[in-house]
N, C-alpha and C. Protein backbone atom coordinates (compact mmCIF):
# COMPACT_ATOMS: atom_id res chain seq x y z
N GLU A 1 146.99 21.19 85.87
CA GLU A 1 147.82 22.45 86.65
C GLU A 1 147.28 23.66 85.60
N HIS A 2 147.64 23.70 84.52
CA HIS A 2 147.76 24.66 83.62
C HIS A 2 146.57 25.08 83.83
N TYR A 3 145.49 24.00 83.30
CA TYR A 3 143.72 24.35 83.16
C TYR A 3 143.33 25.07 84.19
N ARG A 4 144.00 24.52 85.36
CA ARG A 4 143.18 25.22 86.73
C ARG A 4 143.32 26.71 86.67
N ALA A 5 144.70 27.09 86.70
CA ALA A 5 144.94 28.39 86.45
C ALA A 5 144.51 29.17 85.36
N LEU A 6 144.14 28.61 84.32
CA LEU A 6 143.49 29.24 83.00
C LEU A 6 142.34 29.66 83.51
N VAL A 7 141.18 28.49 84.07
CA VAL A 7 140.32 28.83 84.31
C VAL A 7 139.94 30.07 85.39
N GLY A 8 141.06 29.76 86.28
CA GLY A 8 140.92 30.69 87.65
C GLY A 8 141.04 32.12 87.21
N SER A 9 142.08 32.52 86.05
CA SER A 9 142.16 33.85 85.40
C SER A 9 140.90 34.27 84.29
N MET A 10 140.09 33.41 84.08
CA MET A 10 139.03 33.80 83.67
C MET A 10 137.75 34.54 84.27
N THR A 11 137.04 35.88 83.86
CA THR A 11 136.31 36.29 84.44
C THR A 11 134.81 35.57 84.64
N PRO A 12 133.96 35.64 85.70
CA PRO A 12 132.90 34.66 85.54
C PRO A 12 132.20 34.89 84.06
N GLU A 13 131.99 35.96 83.59
CA GLU A 13 131.56 36.04 82.09
C GLU A 13 131.91 35.12 81.20
N GLU A 14 133.57 35.04 81.28
CA GLU A 14 134.04 34.17 80.23
C GLU A 14 133.77 32.60 80.56
N ARG A 15 133.71 32.58 81.92
CA ARG A 15 133.45 31.02 82.28
C ARG A 15 132.10 30.60 81.89
N ALA A 16 131.05 31.41 82.07
CA ALA A 16 129.41 31.09 81.76
C ALA A 16 129.19 31.33 80.44
N THR A 17 130.31 32.02 79.42
CA THR A 17 129.78 31.96 78.02
C THR A 17 130.65 31.59 77.40
N PRO A 18 131.26 30.70 77.03
CA PRO A 18 132.46 29.93 76.37
C PRO A 18 132.44 30.26 74.95
N ASN A 19 131.41 30.76 74.25
CA ASN A 19 131.34 31.61 72.95
C ASN A 19 132.30 32.87 72.73
N LEU A 20 132.39 33.12 73.99
CA LEU A 20 133.18 34.66 73.81
C LEU A 20 134.53 34.45 73.66
N TRP A 21 135.19 33.12 73.84
CA TRP A 21 136.50 32.64 73.09
C TRP A 21 136.66 32.59 71.70
N PHE A 22 135.72 32.13 71.23
CA PHE A 22 135.78 32.20 69.59
C PHE A 22 134.95 32.98 69.00
N ALA A 23 135.09 34.19 69.55
CA ALA A 23 134.66 35.51 68.70
C ALA A 23 135.66 35.80 67.59
N THR A 24 135.32 36.28 66.78
CA THR A 24 136.42 36.30 65.29
C THR A 24 136.29 37.98 64.90
N ASP A 25 136.12 38.94 65.80
CA ASP A 25 135.99 40.38 66.18
C ASP A 25 137.44 40.74 66.91
N GLY A 26 138.50 39.55 66.80
CA GLY A 26 139.61 40.20 67.75
C GLY A 26 139.51 40.41 69.34
N THR A 27 138.17 39.98 70.02
CA THR A 27 137.86 40.28 71.58
C THR A 27 138.78 39.16 72.04
N ALA A 28 138.65 37.86 71.24
CA ALA A 28 139.24 36.49 71.71
C ALA A 28 140.65 36.57 71.97
N GLU A 29 141.35 37.38 70.68
CA GLU A 29 142.95 37.09 70.96
C GLU A 29 143.47 37.85 72.17
N VAL A 30 142.71 39.25 72.41
CA VAL A 30 142.69 40.02 73.63
C VAL A 30 142.39 39.28 74.99
N ARG A 31 141.27 38.45 75.07
CA ARG A 31 141.14 37.74 76.17
C ARG A 31 142.15 36.91 76.61
N MET A 32 142.53 36.07 75.25
CA MET A 32 143.51 35.04 75.45
C MET A 32 145.26 35.66 75.93
N ASN A 33 145.33 37.11 75.48
CA ASN A 33 146.49 37.62 75.84
C ASN A 33 146.60 37.72 77.04
N ARG A 34 145.68 38.32 77.85
CA ARG A 34 145.36 38.82 79.57
C ARG A 34 144.92 37.35 80.09
N VAL A 35 144.73 36.21 79.60
CA VAL A 35 144.46 35.19 80.45
C VAL A 35 145.90 34.70 80.52
N SER A 36 146.53 34.72 79.83
CA SER A 36 147.53 33.61 79.45
C SER A 36 148.94 34.46 80.57
N ALA A 37 148.63 35.94 80.45
CA ALA A 37 149.34 37.01 81.00
C ALA A 37 149.02 36.90 82.76
N GLU A 38 147.91 36.43 82.98
CA GLU A 38 147.50 36.30 84.23
C GLU A 38 147.59 35.12 84.89
N ALA A 39 147.62 33.75 84.09
CA ALA A 39 147.70 32.55 84.66
C ALA A 39 149.24 32.39 84.62
N ALA A 40 150.34 33.04 83.95
CA ALA A 40 151.34 33.12 84.04
C ALA A 40 151.71 31.75 82.95
N VAL A 41 151.10 31.33 81.93
CA VAL A 41 151.11 30.80 80.55
C VAL A 41 151.58 30.71 79.30
N ASN A 42 151.77 30.13 78.63
CA ASN A 42 152.51 30.63 76.89
C ASN A 42 150.87 31.05 76.38
N HIS A 43 150.71 31.49 75.37
CA HIS A 43 149.77 31.63 74.40
C HIS A 43 149.36 30.49 73.97
N ALA A 44 150.32 29.63 73.61
CA ALA A 44 150.01 28.50 73.35
C ALA A 44 149.50 27.62 74.21
N ASP A 45 149.65 27.24 75.34
CA ASP A 45 148.81 26.92 76.31
C ASP A 45 147.05 27.34 76.16
N VAL A 46 146.71 28.59 76.05
CA VAL A 46 145.85 28.99 76.04
C VAL A 46 144.96 28.40 74.81
N GLU A 47 145.33 28.50 73.77
CA GLU A 47 145.00 27.87 72.73
C GLU A 47 144.82 26.21 72.76
N GLN A 48 145.90 25.62 73.22
CA GLN A 48 145.53 24.07 73.25
C GLN A 48 144.39 24.10 74.53
N PHE A 49 144.34 24.77 75.16
CA PHE A 49 142.89 24.64 76.44
C PHE A 49 141.82 24.54 75.62
N LEU A 50 141.65 25.97 74.77
CA LEU A 50 140.64 26.01 74.19
C LEU A 50 140.13 25.25 72.79
N LEU A 51 141.09 24.88 72.23
CA LEU A 51 140.97 23.46 71.53
C LEU A 51 140.17 21.95 72.19
N ASP A 52 141.03 22.01 73.23
CA ASP A 52 140.76 20.89 74.65
C ASP A 52 139.15 21.09 74.37
N PHE A 53 138.73 21.80 74.91
CA PHE A 53 137.71 22.83 75.37
C PHE A 53 136.72 22.23 74.27
N ARG A 54 136.75 22.58 72.82
CA ARG A 54 136.09 22.66 71.86
C ARG A 54 135.57 21.38 71.50
N VAL A 55 136.76 20.68 71.15
CA VAL A 55 136.88 19.22 71.03
C VAL A 55 136.12 18.13 72.16
N MET A 56 136.12 18.52 73.38
CA MET A 56 135.54 17.83 74.35
C MET A 56 133.82 18.31 74.44
N ARG A 57 133.37 19.57 74.27
CA ARG A 57 132.19 19.86 73.95
C ARG A 57 131.34 19.11 72.79
N GLU A 58 132.11 19.13 71.69
CA GLU A 58 131.55 18.64 70.38
C GLU A 58 131.57 17.24 70.89
N MET A 59 132.26 16.69 71.23
CA MET A 59 132.39 15.05 71.87
C MET A 59 131.08 14.61 72.67
N LEU A 60 130.80 15.20 73.41
CA LEU A 60 129.90 15.38 74.32
C LEU A 60 128.54 15.47 74.08
N GLY A 61 128.48 16.79 72.71
CA GLY A 61 127.20 16.65 72.58
C GLY A 61 126.71 15.72 71.25
N LYS A 62 127.79 14.88 70.86
CA LYS A 62 127.48 13.61 69.92
C LYS A 62 126.96 12.59 70.48
N LEU A 63 127.75 12.71 71.65
CA LEU A 63 127.39 11.21 72.47
C LEU A 63 126.00 11.50 72.94
N ALA A 64 125.66 12.96 73.81
CA ALA A 64 124.28 13.04 74.15
C ALA A 64 123.12 12.93 73.02
N SER A 65 123.81 12.62 71.28
CA SER A 65 122.83 12.68 70.60
C SER A 65 122.54 11.66 69.96
N GLY A 66 123.15 10.27 70.92
CA GLY A 66 123.11 9.02 70.63
C GLY A 66 123.71 8.46 69.80
N TRP A 67 125.32 9.18 69.54
CA TRP A 67 126.34 8.45 68.84
C TRP A 67 126.86 7.39 69.99
N SER A 68 127.62 6.22 69.56
CA SER A 68 128.29 5.54 70.04
C SER A 68 129.82 5.96 70.44
N MET A 69 130.52 5.50 71.16
CA MET A 69 131.67 6.16 71.44
C MET A 69 132.73 5.20 70.43
N ASP A 70 132.02 4.17 69.88
CA ASP A 70 133.10 3.52 68.80
C ASP A 70 133.26 4.74 67.67
N GLU A 71 131.77 4.71 67.12
CA GLU A 71 131.59 5.63 66.10
C GLU A 71 132.58 6.74 66.16
N LEU A 72 132.04 7.53 67.26
CA LEU A 72 132.56 8.66 67.53
C LEU A 72 134.22 8.86 67.50
N THR A 73 134.68 7.77 67.98
CA THR A 73 136.09 7.62 67.98
C THR A 73 136.83 7.14 66.55
N ARG A 74 136.28 6.45 65.96
CA ARG A 74 136.29 6.57 64.60
C ARG A 74 136.63 7.47 63.78
N LYS A 75 135.27 8.51 63.70
CA LYS A 75 135.28 9.70 63.23
C LYS A 75 136.17 10.63 63.28
N MET A 76 136.67 10.49 64.69
CA MET A 76 137.67 11.46 64.79
C MET A 76 138.99 11.14 64.30
N MET A 77 139.01 9.60 64.62
CA MET A 77 140.72 9.66 63.66
C MET A 77 140.59 9.88 62.70
N LEU A 78 139.53 9.38 61.97
CA LEU A 78 139.44 9.95 60.42
C LEU A 78 139.95 11.27 60.13
N ALA A 79 139.13 12.11 60.81
CA ALA A 79 139.16 13.97 60.80
C ALA A 79 140.68 14.11 60.54
N ARG A 80 141.17 13.67 61.83
CA ARG A 80 142.79 13.50 62.38
C ARG A 80 143.51 13.16 61.04
N ALA A 81 142.97 12.20 60.38
CA ALA A 81 143.84 11.72 59.65
C ALA A 81 144.21 12.74 58.73
N GLU A 82 142.56 13.12 57.87
CA GLU A 82 142.61 13.94 56.96
C GLU A 82 143.16 15.15 56.95
N ASP A 83 143.29 15.72 58.10
CA ASP A 83 143.92 17.01 57.96
C ASP A 83 145.59 17.08 58.19
N GLU A 84 145.84 15.39 58.95
CA GLU A 84 147.29 15.48 58.65
C GLU A 84 147.66 15.25 57.03
N PHE A 85 146.73 14.77 56.33
CA PHE A 85 146.75 14.56 54.89
C PHE A 85 147.01 15.96 54.69
N ARG A 86 146.28 16.92 54.80
CA ARG A 86 146.42 18.59 54.02
C ARG A 86 147.78 18.87 54.48
N THR A 87 148.48 18.50 55.52
CA THR A 87 149.56 19.21 55.94
C THR A 87 150.70 18.31 55.49
N ALA A 88 150.53 17.30 55.49
CA ALA A 88 152.05 16.57 55.09
C ALA A 88 151.45 15.39 54.13
N PRO A 89 151.37 15.42 52.92
CA PRO A 89 150.89 14.61 51.99
C PRO A 89 151.33 12.97 52.42
N ARG A 90 152.26 12.59 52.44
CA ARG A 90 152.96 11.71 52.28
C ARG A 90 152.31 11.02 53.81
N ALA A 91 152.70 11.40 54.81
CA ALA A 91 152.63 11.03 56.35
C ALA A 91 150.98 10.90 56.38
N GLY A 92 150.61 11.91 55.72
CA GLY A 92 148.94 11.83 55.94
C GLY A 92 148.01 10.94 55.00
N ARG A 93 148.88 10.51 54.05
CA ARG A 93 148.28 9.59 53.26
C ARG A 93 148.72 8.07 53.98
N ARG A 94 149.67 8.11 54.79
CA ARG A 94 149.78 6.61 55.47
C ARG A 94 148.71 6.52 56.72
N LYS A 95 148.70 7.75 57.23
CA LYS A 95 147.70 7.47 58.70
C LYS A 95 146.49 7.59 58.26
N LEU A 96 145.94 7.95 56.91
CA LEU A 96 144.63 7.90 56.52
C LEU A 96 144.08 6.83 56.43
N LYS A 97 145.28 5.58 55.29
CA LYS A 97 145.06 4.45 55.15
C LYS A 97 145.08 3.55 56.33
N LYS A 98 145.93 3.91 57.53
CA LYS A 98 146.00 3.43 58.37
C LYS A 98 144.67 3.49 59.25
N ALA A 99 144.08 4.33 59.62
CA ALA A 99 142.99 4.63 60.14
C ALA A 99 141.87 3.81 59.51
N THR A 100 141.68 3.84 58.24
CA THR A 100 140.69 3.27 57.31
C THR A 100 140.93 1.90 57.01
N ARG A 101 141.80 1.16 56.79
CA ARG A 101 142.15 -0.05 56.58
C ARG A 101 143.03 -0.89 57.65
N GLY A 102 143.36 -0.33 58.60
CA GLY A 102 144.34 -0.93 59.66
C GLY A 102 145.76 -1.13 59.12
N GLU A 103 146.75 -1.80 59.89
CA GLU A 103 147.83 -1.56 59.64
C GLU A 103 148.26 -2.99 58.73
N LYS A 104 149.36 -2.50 58.07
CA LYS A 104 149.59 -3.63 57.26
C LYS A 104 150.42 -4.80 57.94
N GLY A 105 149.61 -5.98 57.40
CA GLY A 105 149.69 -7.17 57.45
C GLY A 105 148.95 -7.67 58.75
N SER A 106 147.92 -6.89 59.21
CA SER A 106 147.32 -7.16 60.33
C SER A 106 145.97 -8.21 59.77
N GLY A 107 145.87 -8.09 58.49
CA GLY A 107 144.69 -8.55 58.23
C GLY A 107 143.40 -7.73 58.24
N ASN A 108 143.48 -6.61 58.39
CA ASN A 108 142.57 -5.75 58.22
C ASN A 108 142.42 -5.10 57.01
N LYS A 109 141.87 -5.56 55.90
CA LYS A 109 141.43 -4.76 54.67
C LYS A 109 140.36 -4.03 54.41
């Protein structure tokens, strides 16, 4: 429901050219503020929408280039665990270990 409001608040140019949202010159921030105000959602909701879009675009690109869904899922889990490792060392190490070797006692080592 938020996504529909966000997309509806975008200009035709923004919908046709998604890279406008990832510009580093400050224009993307202005766009996000405008769309969040027009769609009556939080700035964080716009950021989450853009993150979801970026992840989905990357996934579809990899699937189109021949990656299997299992391989893609494994790589994404590993990348997420590695990101969490950088932010919360102990919890991250546990998640990384779990993602690469399985749960303790499950027989997957």
